[in-house]
Amino acid sequence: MSQQRVTVIRGDGIGPDIIDATTQILDKVGCNFAYDYADAGLVALEKHGELLPQETLDLIAKNKVALKGPLTTPVGEGFTSINVSLRKQFKLYANVRPVLSFKGTKARYEDIDIITVRENTQGMYSGLGQTVSEDGNEAEAMSKITREGAEKIVTFAYELARREGRKKVTAVHKANILKSTSGLFLKVAREVGERYPDIESTEMIVDNTCMQLVMNPHQFDVIVTTNLFGDIISDLCAGLVGGLGMAPGANIGEECAVFEAVHGSAPDIAGKNLANPTSVILAAIQMLEYLKMADKAEKIRSALKDVIESGDRTTRDLGGEHGTTEFTQAVLDRL
C-alpha cells in the first residue's frame, strides 16, 4: 500500500502553530502521511507575489487531499477570496460543517450534534453579475441555482445521513420570497427526499431556522442548504458549542477534498503560543474519516475530548491558562 501524501497549507497568523500541532498528533496516532507543504494567503503573496500560486494548486490536484490553516485575503484591494477560488478550482461543491458538544467548554448547550451541509459553488457566492454603477449609487449581484447543483448537494446530505446513521435531514430555504432560486432548491430537495424513505425529511425557512437553532437546537440533525444561508447557519451552530475554535470544515468534490479550520488567522496572537488548535484537529479527524481511517479518527477524538473535559493544559478560550504546545502535548500524552 502506497503512502498517502497530504498537501499541507500552514496558512497565516496562528495557522502554522495549529497546523504543526495537528501534524504532530496525526504522526503520533500512526497515520504515516507524507506531507507536501504549500503556500497560500499573505505568506504566499510575500514569497510568490500571488495569494494562491500555481505550485500550490498543482500539489492539491496531485495529492487530492489537503489540510489547510486559516488564510488571510486582503480586504478592499481587489483580491478574490482564496477559499472561494479553491472551491471553484477543484469543484468542491459540498461544505460539511459538523458541530459537537464537548464538556469543559463555555458553550451554552450540551449534547449538540448537528451537521450543516452547504452548497459551496452556486448561489450568492458564485460571484456572477457583480456590478457597481459609475456613480456608486447602485450595486447588483446575481444568484444562480441549477437543478444539477441542488440535486448533488441534497443527495450528498442524505447519503451522509444514511452513512452515519442519522435520522433527519432539514432543507433550509427562503422559497416564500426567493421563489425562483430558493424555490428550485426546495423543489429539488423534496424530490430527493422521497428517495430516502428511511430518513425523515423536513423543511424550514431560513429565518425560522436561526430562531429554532437558538431556542431548541436539539431538534436538528443534518441541515442542507444553499451557499449564503449555509455560511450563516454553520457559524450560528458553532456558537452553540463554544465558537469557531470548536468547528471544523470539509470542502469535498468528486476528485479532491480540502479540510480546514474555519476561524480566522488571528494575527494578534500569532506566534504567542496562545491559539487553541481544536478546530484544525477536528478538521484532521474529518480528513481521516474521508480517507477511511475511522479508527485513528476516533482515537484522536477521544483524546481531544478527554483533554477538554478534564481541563488538562487547556487554552484560555477553554477556561485554562496554557498555550498551544501544552494543549497539544496533553493530547499526545493520551495517544
C-alpha atoms as a PDB file:
ATOM      1  CA  MET A   1       0.000   0.000   0.000  1.00  0.00           C
ATOM      2  CA  SER A   2       1.500   3.327  -1.069  1.00  0.00           C
ATOM      3  CA  GLN A   3       1.994   6.116   1.436  1.00  0.00           C
ATOM      4  CA  GLN A   4      -0.786   8.727   1.483  1.00  0.00           C
ATOM      5  CA  ARG A   5       0.513  12.169   0.548  1.00  0.00           C
ATOM      6  CA  VAL A   6      -1.259  15.188   2.019  1.00  0.00           C
ATOM      7  CA  THR A   7      -0.868  18.772   0.831  1.00  0.00           C
ATOM      8  CA  VAL A   8      -0.441  20.960   3.919  1.00  0.00           C
ATOM      9  CA  ILE A   9      -1.098  24.705   3.774  1.00  0.00           C
ATOM     10  CA  ARG A  10       0.101  26.156   7.078  1.00  0.00           C
ATOM     11  CA  GLY A  11      -1.607  29.488   6.379  1.00  0.00           C
ATOM     12  CA  ASP A  12      -1.316  32.892   8.023  1.00  0.00           C
ATOM     13  CA  GLY A  13      -1.305  34.204  11.594  1.00  0.00           C
ATOM     14  CA  ILE A  14      -1.847  31.317  14.015  1.00  0.00           C
ATOM     15  CA  GLY A  15      -2.092  28.879  11.096  1.00  0.00           C
ATOM     16  CA  PRO A  16       1.455  27.477  11.352  1.00  0.00           C
ATOM     17  CA  ASP A  17       1.105  26.951  15.118  1.00  0.00           C
ATOM     18  CA  ILE A  18      -2.143  24.974  14.938  1.00  0.00           C
ATOM     19  CA  ILE A  19      -1.243  23.073  11.758  1.00  0.00           C
ATOM     20  CA  ASP A  20       2.085  21.950  13.226  1.00  0.00           C
ATOM     21  CA  ALA A  21       0.266  20.832  16.385  1.00  0.00           C
ATOM     22  CA  THR A  22      -2.124  18.786  14.264  1.00  0.00           C
ATOM     23  CA  THR A  23       0.535  17.071  12.153  1.00  0.00           C
ATOM     24  CA  GLN A  24       2.272  16.013  15.394  1.00  0.00           C
ATOM     25  CA  ILE A  25      -0.980  14.397  16.513  1.00  0.00           C
ATOM     26  CA  LEU A  26      -1.503  12.687  13.141  1.00  0.00           C
ATOM     27  CA  ASP A  27       2.026  11.298  13.313  1.00  0.00           C
ATOM     28  CA  LYS A  28       1.611  10.156  16.914  1.00  0.00           C
ATOM     29  CA  VAL A  29      -1.505   8.108  16.106  1.00  0.00           C
ATOM     30  CA  GLY A  30       0.409   6.361  13.303  1.00  0.00           C
ATOM     31  CA  CYS A  31      -1.095   7.831  10.141  1.00  0.00           C
ATOM     32  CA  ASN A  32       2.247   7.629   8.302  1.00  0.00           C
ATOM     33  CA  PHE A  33       1.370  10.513   5.970  1.00  0.00           C
ATOM     34  CA  ALA A  34       3.875  12.179   3.686  1.00  0.00           C
ATOM     35  CA  TYR A  35       3.363  15.963   3.871  1.00  0.00           C
ATOM     36  CA  ASP A  36       3.867  18.279   0.907  1.00  0.00           C
ATOM     37  CA  TYR A  37       3.913  21.835   2.227  1.00  0.00           C
ATOM     38  CA  ALA A  38       2.488  24.622   0.073  1.00  0.00           C
ATOM     39  CA  ASP A  39       1.932  28.372   0.470  1.00  0.00           C
ATOM     40  CA  ALA A  40      -1.284  30.385   0.209  1.00  0.00           C
ATOM     41  CA  GLY A  41      -2.529  33.677   1.635  1.00  0.00           C
ATOM     42  CA  LEU A  42      -0.343  36.551   2.816  1.00  0.00           C
ATOM     43  CA  VAL A  43       2.686  34.273   3.171  1.00  0.00           C
ATOM     44  CA  ALA A  44       2.334  33.313  -0.495  1.00  0.00           C
ATOM     45  CA  LEU A  45       1.790  36.938  -1.527  1.00  0.00           C
ATOM     46  CA  GLU A  46       5.073  37.939   0.116  1.00  0.00           C
ATOM     47  CA  LYS A  47       7.048  34.989  -1.265  1.00  0.00           C
ATOM     48  CA  HIS A  48       5.493  34.474  -4.688  1.00  0.00           C
ATOM     49  CA  GLY A  49       3.600  37.691  -5.467  1.00  0.00           C
ATOM     50  CA  GLU A  50       0.210  35.963  -5.523  1.00  0.00           C
ATOM     51  CA  LEU A  51      -2.228  34.654  -2.922  1.00  0.00           C
ATOM     52  CA  LEU A  52      -2.708  31.234  -4.498  1.00  0.00           C
ATOM     53  CA  PRO A  53       0.359  30.142  -6.513  1.00  0.00           C
ATOM     54  CA  GLN A  54       0.042  27.613  -9.308  1.00  0.00           C
ATOM     55  CA  GLU A  55       2.513  25.355  -7.493  1.00  0.00           C
ATOM     56  CA  THR A  56       0.051  25.097  -4.597  1.00  0.00           C
ATOM     57  CA  LEU A  57      -2.839  24.290  -6.931  1.00  0.00           C
ATOM     58  CA  ASP A  58      -0.721  21.617  -8.631  1.00  0.00           C
ATOM     59  CA  LEU A  59       0.113  19.973  -5.293  1.00  0.00           C
ATOM     60  CA  ILE A  60      -3.546  19.884  -4.245  1.00  0.00           C
ATOM     61  CA  ALA A  61      -4.504  18.402  -7.622  1.00  0.00           C
ATOM     62  CA  LYS A  62      -1.736  15.799  -7.365  1.00  0.00           C
ATOM     63  CA  ASN A  63      -2.431  14.606  -3.811  1.00  0.00           C
ATOM     64  CA  LYS A  64      -6.230  15.151  -3.920  1.00  0.00           C
ATOM     65  CA  VAL A  65      -6.290  15.759  -0.152  1.00  0.00           C
ATOM     66  CA  ALA A  66      -5.279  18.965   1.619  1.00  0.00           C
ATOM     67  CA  LEU A  67      -5.185  20.179   5.229  1.00  0.00           C
ATOM     68  CA  LYS A  68      -5.381  23.946   5.494  1.00  0.00           C
ATOM     69  CA  GLY A  69      -4.841  26.510   8.215  1.00  0.00           C
ATOM     70  CA  PRO A  70      -6.638  29.879   8.221  1.00  0.00           C
ATOM     71  CA  LEU A  71      -5.766  32.179   5.323  1.00  0.00           C
ATOM     72  CA  THR A  72      -5.981  35.960   5.041  1.00  0.00           C
ATOM     73  CA  THR A  73      -7.410  37.613   1.920  1.00  0.00           C
ATOM     74  CA  PRO A  74      -6.534  41.337   1.923  1.00  0.00           C
ATOM     75  CA  VAL A  75      -9.728  43.385   2.270  1.00  0.00           C
ATOM     76  CA  GLY A  76     -10.692  46.055  -0.243  1.00  0.00           C
ATOM     77  CA  GLU A  77      -7.746  45.546  -2.584  1.00  0.00           C
ATOM     78  CA  GLY A  78      -9.481  43.692  -5.395  1.00  0.00           C
ATOM     79  CA  PHE A  79      -8.345  40.229  -4.285  1.00  0.00           C
ATOM     80  CA  THR A  80     -10.709  37.294  -4.721  1.00  0.00           C
ATOM     81  CA  SER A  81     -11.334  35.144  -1.632  1.00  0.00           C
ATOM     82  CA  ILE A  82      -8.784  32.318  -1.567  1.00  0.00           C
ATOM     83  CA  ASN A  83     -11.332  29.886  -0.170  1.00  0.00           C
ATOM     84  CA  VAL A  84     -13.816  30.710  -2.946  1.00  0.00           C
ATOM     85  CA  SER A  85     -11.034  30.290  -5.515  1.00  0.00           C
ATOM     86  CA  LEU A  86     -10.126  26.850  -4.155  1.00  0.00           C
ATOM     87  CA  ARG A  87     -13.759  25.717  -4.180  1.00  0.00           C
ATOM     88  CA  LYS A  88     -14.194  26.802  -7.789  1.00  0.00           C
ATOM     89  CA  GLN A  89     -10.858  25.456  -8.992  1.00  0.00           C
ATOM     90  CA  PHE A  90     -11.462  21.953  -7.629  1.00  0.00           C
ATOM     91  CA  LYS A  91     -15.283  21.928  -7.813  1.00  0.00           C
ATOM     92  CA  LEU A  92     -15.561  21.382  -4.068  1.00  0.00           C
ATOM     93  CA  TYR A  93     -19.329  21.537  -4.131  1.00  0.00           C
ATOM     94  CA  ALA A  94     -20.030  20.239  -0.605  1.00  0.00           C
ATOM     95  CA  ASN A  95     -19.052  22.135   2.523  1.00  0.00           C
ATOM     96  CA  VAL A  96     -19.532  19.909   5.590  1.00  0.00           C
ATOM     97  CA  ARG A  97     -19.548  21.686   8.954  1.00  0.00           C
ATOM     98  CA  PRO A  98     -20.222  19.415  11.961  1.00  0.00           C
ATOM     99  CA  VAL A  99     -20.615  20.764  15.485  1.00  0.00           C
ATOM    100  CA  LEU A 100     -20.391  18.516  18.533  1.00  0.00           C
ATOM    101  CA  SER A 101     -20.619  19.411  22.217  1.00  0.00           C
ATOM    102  CA  PHE A 102     -17.546  18.855  24.372  1.00  0.00           C
ATOM    103  CA  LYS A 103     -17.898  19.040  28.139  1.00  0.00           C
ATOM    104  CA  GLY A 104     -15.492  21.598  29.548  1.00  0.00           C
ATOM    105  CA  THR A 105     -16.177  24.339  27.012  1.00  0.00           C
ATOM    106  CA  LYS A 106     -18.023  27.552  27.781  1.00  0.00           C
ATOM    107  CA  ALA A 107     -20.879  26.572  25.477  1.00  0.00           C
ATOM    108  CA  ARG A 108     -24.484  27.453  26.284  1.00  0.00           C
ATOM    109  CA  TYR A 109     -25.780  23.990  25.357  1.00  0.00           C
ATOM    110  CA  GLU A 110     -24.940  20.348  25.953  1.00  0.00           C
ATOM    111  CA  ASP A 111     -25.431  17.318  23.689  1.00  0.00           C
ATOM    112  CA  ILE A 112     -25.392  19.271  20.421  1.00  0.00           C
ATOM    113  CA  ASP A 113     -24.617  17.107  17.383  1.00  0.00           C
ATOM    114  CA  ILE A 114     -25.540  18.867  14.127  1.00  0.00           C
ATOM    115  CA  ILE A 115     -24.045  18.696  10.644  1.00  0.00           C
ATOM    116  CA  THR A 116     -24.597  21.578   8.215  1.00  0.00           C
ATOM    117  CA  VAL A 117     -24.151  20.584   4.572  1.00  0.00           C
ATOM    118  CA  ARG A 118     -23.743  23.717   2.498  1.00  0.00           C
ATOM    119  CA  GLU A 119     -23.694  24.027  -1.289  1.00  0.00           C
ATOM    120  CA  ASN A 120     -20.301  25.550  -1.987  1.00  0.00           C
ATOM    121  CA  THR A 121     -20.205  26.831  -5.563  1.00  0.00           C
ATOM    122  CA  GLN A 122     -23.530  28.428  -6.534  1.00  0.00           C
ATOM    123  CA  GLY A 123     -25.981  30.952  -5.084  1.00  0.00           C
ATOM    124  CA  MET A 124     -24.942  34.433  -3.992  1.00  0.00           C
ATOM    125  CA  TYR A 125     -21.307  33.419  -3.523  1.00  0.00           C
ATOM    126  CA  SER A 126     -20.796  32.397  -7.139  1.00  0.00           C
ATOM    127  CA  GLY A 127     -19.669  35.968  -7.897  1.00  0.00           C
ATOM    128  CA  LEU A 128     -21.828  36.284 -11.014  1.00  0.00           C
ATOM    129  CA  GLY A 129     -23.032  39.638 -12.297  1.00  0.00           C
ATOM    130  CA  GLN A 130     -21.386  41.817  -9.687  1.00  0.00           C
ATOM    131  CA  THR A 131     -21.542  45.411 -10.850  1.00  0.00           C
ATOM    132  CA  VAL A 132     -21.457  48.851  -9.263  1.00  0.00           C
ATOM    133  CA  SER A 133     -22.764  51.892 -11.145  1.00  0.00           C
ATOM    134  CA  GLU A 134     -20.315  54.605 -12.122  1.00  0.00           C
ATOM    135  CA  ASP A 135     -21.779  56.998  -9.580  1.00  0.00           C
ATOM    136  CA  GLY A 136     -21.507  54.323  -6.868  1.00  0.00           C
ATOM    137  CA  ASN A 137     -25.192  54.541  -6.000  1.00  0.00           C
ATOM    138  CA  GLU A 138     -26.320  51.133  -7.283  1.00  0.00           C
ATOM    139  CA  ALA A 139     -24.851  47.661  -6.933  1.00  0.00           C
ATOM    140  CA  GLU A 140     -26.009  44.337  -8.328  1.00  0.00           C
ATOM    141  CA  ALA A 141     -25.110  40.681  -7.919  1.00  0.00           C
ATOM    142  CA  MET A 142     -26.711  37.571  -9.336  1.00  0.00           C
ATOM    143  CA  SER A 143     -27.679  34.353  -7.572  1.00  0.00           C
ATOM    144  CA  LYS A 144     -27.760  31.224  -9.727  1.00  0.00           C
ATOM    145  CA  ILE A 145     -29.072  27.809  -8.701  1.00  0.00           C
ATOM    146  CA  THR A 146     -29.104  24.842 -11.066  1.00  0.00           C
ATOM    147  CA  ARG A 147     -31.119  21.649 -10.745  1.00  0.00           C
ATOM    148  CA  GLU A 148     -27.895  19.649 -11.071  1.00  0.00           C
ATOM    149  CA  GLY A 149     -26.181  21.619  -8.302  1.00  0.00           C
ATOM    150  CA  ALA A 150     -29.154  21.377  -5.959  1.00  0.00           C
ATOM    151  CA  GLU A 151     -29.577  17.659  -6.587  1.00  0.00           C
ATOM    152  CA  LYS A 152     -25.894  16.952  -5.952  1.00  0.00           C
ATOM    153  CA  ILE A 153     -25.772  18.741  -2.602  1.00  0.00           C
ATOM    154  CA  VAL A 154     -29.074  17.383  -1.296  1.00  0.00           C
ATOM    155  CA  THR A 155     -28.164  13.844  -2.369  1.00  0.00           C
ATOM    156  CA  PHE A 156     -24.795  14.293  -0.640  1.00  0.00           C
ATOM    157  CA  ALA A 157     -26.593  15.292   2.577  1.00  0.00           C
ATOM    158  CA  TYR A 158     -28.915  12.268   2.521  1.00  0.00           C
ATOM    159  CA  GLU A 159     -26.079   9.868   1.713  1.00  0.00           C
ATOM    160  CA  LEU A 160     -24.069  11.321   4.604  1.00  0.00           C
ATOM    161  CA  ALA A 161     -27.085  10.969   6.902  1.00  0.00           C
ATOM    162  CA  ARG A 162     -27.601   7.341   5.884  1.00  0.00           C
ATOM    163  CA  ARG A 163     -23.896   6.507   6.204  1.00  0.00           C
ATOM    164  CA  GLU A 164     -23.674   7.980   9.711  1.00  0.00           C
ATOM    165  CA  GLY A 165     -26.985   6.597  10.939  1.00  0.00           C
ATOM    166  CA  ARG A 166     -28.644   9.999  11.141  1.00  0.00           C
ATOM    167  CA  LYS A 167     -32.422  10.222  11.448  1.00  0.00           C
ATOM    168  CA  LYS A 168     -33.427  13.517   9.836  1.00  0.00           C
ATOM    169  CA  VAL A 169     -32.480  15.965   7.085  1.00  0.00           C
ATOM    170  CA  THR A 170     -33.824  19.525   7.142  1.00  0.00           C
ATOM    171  CA  ALA A 171     -33.771  21.509   3.894  1.00  0.00           C
ATOM    172  CA  VAL A 172     -33.395  25.223   4.699  1.00  0.00           C
ATOM    173  CA  HIS A 173     -34.668  27.762   2.174  1.00  0.00           C
ATOM    174  CA  LYS A 174     -36.354  31.119   1.526  1.00  0.00           C
ATOM    175  CA  ALA A 175     -38.717  29.933  -1.201  1.00  0.00           C
ATOM    176  CA  ASN A 176     -41.554  32.084   0.113  1.00  0.00           C
ATOM    177  CA  ILE A 177     -39.686  35.191  -1.089  1.00  0.00           C
ATOM    178  CA  LEU A 178     -36.943  33.967  -3.443  1.00  0.00           C
ATOM    179  CA  LYS A 179     -39.408  31.941  -5.474  1.00  0.00           C
ATOM    180  CA  SER A 180     -37.074  31.264  -8.407  1.00  0.00           C
ATOM    181  CA  THR A 181     -33.711  30.307  -6.897  1.00  0.00           C
ATOM    182  CA  SER A 182     -34.682  29.107  -3.429  1.00  0.00           C
ATOM    183  CA  GLY A 183     -37.875  27.748  -4.926  1.00  0.00           C
ATOM    184  CA  LEU A 184     -35.920  25.492  -7.279  1.00  0.00           C
ATOM    185  CA  PHE A 185     -33.677  24.332  -4.427  1.00  0.00           C
ATOM    186  CA  LEU A 186     -36.682  23.413  -2.292  1.00  0.00           C
ATOM    187  CA  LYS A 187     -38.433  21.636  -5.176  1.00  0.00           C
ATOM    188  CA  VAL A 188     -35.352  19.504  -5.826  1.00  0.00           C
ATOM    189  CA  ALA A 189     -34.841  18.854  -2.096  1.00  0.00           C
ATOM    190  CA  ARG A 190     -38.390  17.479  -1.840  1.00  0.00           C
ATOM    191  CA  GLU A 191     -37.808  15.217  -4.842  1.00  0.00           C
ATOM    192  CA  VAL A 192     -34.532  13.869  -3.474  1.00  0.00           C
ATOM    193  CA  GLY A 193     -36.041  13.331  -0.016  1.00  0.00           C
ATOM    194  CA  GLU A 194     -38.615  10.968  -1.480  1.00  0.00           C
ATOM    195  CA  ARG A 195     -35.784   8.621  -2.489  1.00  0.00           C
ATOM    196  CA  TYR A 196     -34.794   8.179   1.154  1.00  0.00           C
ATOM    197  CA  PRO A 197     -37.887   6.855   2.959  1.00  0.00           C
ATOM    198  CA  ASP A 198     -35.686   5.640   5.834  1.00  0.00           C
ATOM    199  CA  ILE A 199     -34.778   9.222   6.737  1.00  0.00           C
ATOM    200  CA  GLU A 200     -37.211  11.867   7.989  1.00  0.00           C
ATOM    201  CA  SER A 201     -37.353  14.848   5.606  1.00  0.00           C
ATOM    202  CA  THR A 202     -38.311  18.288   6.879  1.00  0.00           C
ATOM    203  CA  GLU A 203     -38.059  21.809   5.517  1.00  0.00           C
ATOM    204  CA  MET A 204     -37.740  25.171   7.221  1.00  0.00           C
ATOM    205  CA  ILE A 205     -37.496  28.828   6.188  1.00  0.00           C
ATOM    206  CA  VAL A 206     -34.053  30.211   6.978  1.00  0.00           C
ATOM    207  CA  ASP A 207     -35.085  32.945   9.425  1.00  0.00           C
ATOM    208  CA  ASN A 208     -37.168  30.485  11.430  1.00  0.00           C
ATOM    209  CA  THR A 209     -34.240  28.054  11.334  1.00  0.00           C
ATOM    210  CA  CYS A 210     -31.990  30.619  13.014  1.00  0.00           C
ATOM    211  CA  MET A 211     -34.562  31.219  15.742  1.00  0.00           C
ATOM    212  CA  GLN A 212     -35.151  27.495  16.265  1.00  0.00           C
ATOM    213  CA  LEU A 213     -31.410  26.806  16.460  1.00  0.00           C
ATOM    214  CA  VAL A 214     -31.165  29.259  19.344  1.00  0.00           C
ATOM    215  CA  MET A 215     -34.345  28.136  21.132  1.00  0.00           C
ATOM    216  CA  ASN A 216     -34.340  24.366  20.529  1.00  0.00           C
ATOM    217  CA  PRO A 217     -31.220  23.202  18.663  1.00  0.00           C
ATOM    218  CA  HIS A 218     -31.694  19.552  19.609  1.00  0.00           C
ATOM    219  CA  GLN A 219     -34.452  19.181  17.006  1.00  0.00           C
ATOM    220  CA  PHE A 220     -31.832  19.355  14.226  1.00  0.00           C
ATOM    221  CA  ASP A 221     -29.694  16.531  12.891  1.00  0.00           C
ATOM    222  CA  VAL A 222     -28.473  17.233   9.333  1.00  0.00           C
ATOM    223  CA  ILE A 223     -29.177  20.607   7.707  1.00  0.00           C
ATOM    224  CA  VAL A 224     -28.769  21.066   3.948  1.00  0.00           C
ATOM    225  CA  THR A 225     -28.964  24.466   2.316  1.00  0.00           C
ATOM    226  CA  THR A 226     -27.573  26.915  -0.220  1.00  0.00           C
ATOM    227  CA  ASN A 227     -24.301  28.805  -0.003  1.00  0.00           C
ATOM    228  CA  LEU A 228     -25.185  32.076   1.749  1.00  0.00           C
ATOM    229  CA  PHE A 229     -27.639  30.521   4.204  1.00  0.00           C
ATOM    230  CA  GLY A 230     -25.193  27.711   4.956  1.00  0.00           C
ATOM    231  CA  ASP A 231     -22.409  30.153   5.727  1.00  0.00           C
ATOM    232  CA  ILE A 232     -24.550  31.948   8.304  1.00  0.00           C
ATOM    233  CA  ILE A 233     -26.177  28.847   9.812  1.00  0.00           C
ATOM    234  CA  SER A 234     -22.910  26.934  10.219  1.00  0.00           C
ATOM    235  CA  ASP A 235     -21.372  29.820  12.177  1.00  0.00           C
ATOM    236  CA  LEU A 236     -24.509  30.041  14.308  1.00  0.00           C
ATOM    237  CA  CYS A 237     -24.177  26.310  15.010  1.00  0.00           C
ATOM    238  CA  ALA A 238     -20.530  26.830  16.004  1.00  0.00           C
ATOM    239  CA  GLY A 239     -21.754  29.326  18.591  1.00  0.00           C
ATOM    240  CA  LEU A 240     -23.872  26.584  20.162  1.00  0.00           C
ATOM    241  CA  VAL A 241     -20.786  24.506  21.030  1.00  0.00           C
ATOM    242  CA  GLY A 242     -18.348  27.219  22.092  1.00  0.00           C
ATOM    243  CA  GLY A 243     -17.410  29.170  18.969  1.00  0.00           C
ATOM    244  CA  LEU A 244     -15.444  28.807  15.759  1.00  0.00           C
ATOM    245  CA  GLY A 245     -12.492  27.376  17.655  1.00  0.00           C
ATOM    246  CA  MET A 246     -14.581  24.219  18.102  1.00  0.00           C
ATOM    247  CA  ALA A 247     -15.806  23.983  14.497  1.00  0.00           C
ATOM    248  CA  PRO A 248     -14.025  22.295  11.568  1.00  0.00           C
ATOM    249  CA  GLY A 249     -14.921  22.318   7.890  1.00  0.00           C
ATOM    250  CA  ALA A 250     -14.530  19.956   4.941  1.00  0.00           C
ATOM    251  CA  ASN A 251     -14.786  21.020   1.296  1.00  0.00           C
ATOM    252  CA  ILE A 252     -15.471  17.946  -0.801  1.00  0.00           C
ATOM    253  CA  GLY A 253     -15.677  17.412  -4.548  1.00  0.00           C
ATOM    254  CA  GLU A 254     -15.716  14.444  -6.896  1.00  0.00           C
ATOM    255  CA  GLU A 255     -11.925  14.210  -7.126  1.00  0.00           C
ATOM    256  CA  CYS A 256     -10.500  16.264  -4.288  1.00  0.00           C
ATOM    257  CA  ALA A 257     -11.101  17.417  -0.702  1.00  0.00           C
ATOM    258  CA  VAL A 258      -9.746  20.273   1.429  1.00  0.00           C
ATOM    259  CA  PHE A 259     -10.075  20.180   5.227  1.00  0.00           C
ATOM    260  CA  GLU A 260      -9.720  23.366   7.241  1.00  0.00           C
ATOM    261  CA  ALA A 261     -10.036  25.347  10.417  1.00  0.00           C
ATOM    262  CA  VAL A 262     -12.950  27.685   9.723  1.00  0.00           C
ATOM    263  CA  HIS A 263     -11.923  30.529  12.017  1.00  0.00           C
ATOM    264  CA  GLY A 264      -9.717  33.470  11.057  1.00  0.00           C
ATOM    265  CA  SER A 265      -5.954  33.809  11.209  1.00  0.00           C
ATOM    266  CA  ALA A 266      -5.960  35.849  14.475  1.00  0.00           C
ATOM    267  CA  PRO A 267      -2.739  37.766  13.707  1.00  0.00           C
ATOM    268  CA  ASP A 268      -2.891  39.476  17.109  1.00  0.00           C
ATOM    269  CA  ILE A 269      -1.975  36.223  18.890  1.00  0.00           C
ATOM    270  CA  ALA A 270       0.206  34.679  16.163  1.00  0.00           C
ATOM    271  CA  GLY A 271       3.466  33.249  17.452  1.00  0.00           C
ATOM    272  CA  LYS A 272       2.498  33.812  21.094  1.00  0.00           C
ATOM    273  CA  ASN A 273       1.670  30.177  21.913  1.00  0.00           C
ATOM    274  CA  LEU A 274      -1.942  31.107  22.747  1.00  0.00           C
ATOM    275  CA  ALA A 275      -4.024  29.549  19.961  1.00  0.00           C
ATOM    276  CA  ASN A 276      -6.422  26.653  20.524  1.00  0.00           C
ATOM    277  CA  PRO A 277      -5.724  24.059  17.790  1.00  0.00           C
ATOM    278  CA  THR A 278      -9.028  22.192  18.271  1.00  0.00           C
ATOM    279  CA  SER A 279     -10.692  23.391  15.053  1.00  0.00           C
ATOM    280  CA  VAL A 280      -7.951  22.097  12.777  1.00  0.00           C
ATOM    281  CA  ILE A 281      -7.555  18.908  14.856  1.00  0.00           C
ATOM    282  CA  LEU A 282     -11.260  18.265  14.255  1.00  0.00           C
ATOM    283  CA  ALA A 283     -10.737  19.027  10.555  1.00  0.00           C
ATOM    284  CA  ALA A 284      -7.970  16.412  10.515  1.00  0.00           C
ATOM    285  CA  ILE A 285     -10.438  13.957  12.071  1.00  0.00           C
ATOM    286  CA  GLN A 286     -12.804  14.704   9.155  1.00  0.00           C
ATOM    287  CA  MET A 287      -9.896  14.064   6.783  1.00  0.00           C
ATOM    288  CA  LEU A 288      -9.163  10.689   8.398  1.00  0.00           C
ATOM    289  CA  GLU A 289     -12.810   9.668   8.091  1.00  0.00           C
ATOM    290  CA  TYR A 290     -12.753  10.722   4.423  1.00  0.00           C
ATOM    291  CA  LEU A 291      -9.650   8.546   3.938  1.00  0.00           C
ATOM    292  CA  LYS A 292     -11.442   5.622   5.642  1.00  0.00           C
ATOM    293  CA  MET A 293      -9.152   5.745   8.675  1.00  0.00           C
ATOM    294  CA  ALA A 294     -12.026   5.879  11.166  1.00  0.00           C
ATOM    295  CA  ASP A 295     -10.149   4.008  13.904  1.00  0.00           C
ATOM    296  CA  LYS A 296      -7.409   6.641  14.033  1.00  0.00           C
ATOM    297  CA  ALA A 297     -10.006   9.430  13.816  1.00  0.00           C
ATOM    298  CA  GLU A 298     -11.790   8.029  16.856  1.00  0.00           C
ATOM    299  CA  LYS A 299      -8.563   7.734  18.863  1.00  0.00           C
ATOM    300  CA  ILE A 300      -7.803  11.416  18.291  1.00  0.00           C
ATOM    301  CA  ARG A 301     -11.384  12.473  19.033  1.00  0.00           C
ATOM    302  CA  SER A 302     -11.349  10.514  22.285  1.00  0.00           C
ATOM    303  CA  ALA A 303      -8.036  12.022  23.372  1.00  0.00           C
ATOM    304  CA  LEU A 304      -9.151  15.545  22.495  1.00  0.00           C
ATOM    305  CA  LYS A 305     -12.448  15.072  24.306  1.00  0.00           C
ATOM    306  CA  ASP A 306     -10.691  13.905  27.460  1.00  0.00           C
ATOM    307  CA  VAL A 307      -8.270  16.853  27.444  1.00  0.00           C
ATOM    308  CA  ILE A 308     -11.100  19.377  27.164  1.00  0.00           C
ATOM    309  CA  GLU A 309     -13.398  17.635  29.649  1.00  0.00           C
ATOM    310  CA  SER A 310     -10.652  17.288  32.266  1.00  0.00           C
ATOM    311  CA  GLY A 311      -9.318  20.806  31.674  1.00  0.00           C
ATOM    312  CA  ASP A 312      -5.817  19.374  31.362  1.00  0.00           C
ATOM    313  CA  ARG A 313      -3.496  22.078  29.977  1.00  0.00           C
ATOM    314  CA  THR A 314      -6.331  23.787  28.096  1.00  0.00           C
ATOM    315  CA  THR A 315      -6.014  27.172  26.403  1.00  0.00           C
ATOM    316  CA  ARG A 316      -7.539  30.396  27.694  1.00  0.00           C
ATOM    317  CA  ASP A 317     -10.626  30.261  25.474  1.00  0.00           C
ATOM    318  CA  LEU A 318     -11.436  26.936  27.151  1.00  0.00           C
ATOM    319  CA  GLY A 319     -11.008  28.370  30.639  1.00  0.00           C
ATOM    320  CA  GLY A 320      -7.410  27.198  31.067  1.00  0.00           C
ATOM    321  CA  GLU A 321      -4.121  29.050  31.379  1.00  0.00           C
ATOM    322  CA  HIS A 322      -1.941  27.115  28.956  1.00  0.00           C
ATOM    323  CA  GLY A 323      -0.729  27.523  25.396  1.00  0.00           C
ATOM    324  CA  THR A 324      -0.836  25.679  22.088  1.00  0.00           C
ATOM    325  CA  THR A 325       2.186  23.484  22.808  1.00  0.00           C
ATOM    326  CA  GLU A 326       0.968  22.408  26.252  1.00  0.00           C
ATOM    327  CA  PHE A 327      -2.538  21.664  24.948  1.00  0.00           C
ATOM    328  CA  THR A 328      -1.057  19.635  22.093  1.00  0.00           C
ATOM    329  CA  GLN A 329       1.187  17.714  24.498  1.00  0.00           C
ATOM    330  CA  ALA A 330      -1.862  16.844  26.616  1.00  0.00           C
ATOM    331  CA  VAL A 331      -3.462  15.238  23.533  1.00  0.00           C
ATOM    332  CA  LEU A 332      -0.197  13.497  22.595  1.00  0.00           C
ATOM    333  CA  ASP A 333       0.145  12.082  26.118  1.00  0.00           C
ATOM    334  CA  ARG A 334      -3.251  10.409  25.786  1.00  0.00           C
ATOM    335  CA  LEU A 335      -2.366   8.923  22.427  1.00  0.00           C
END
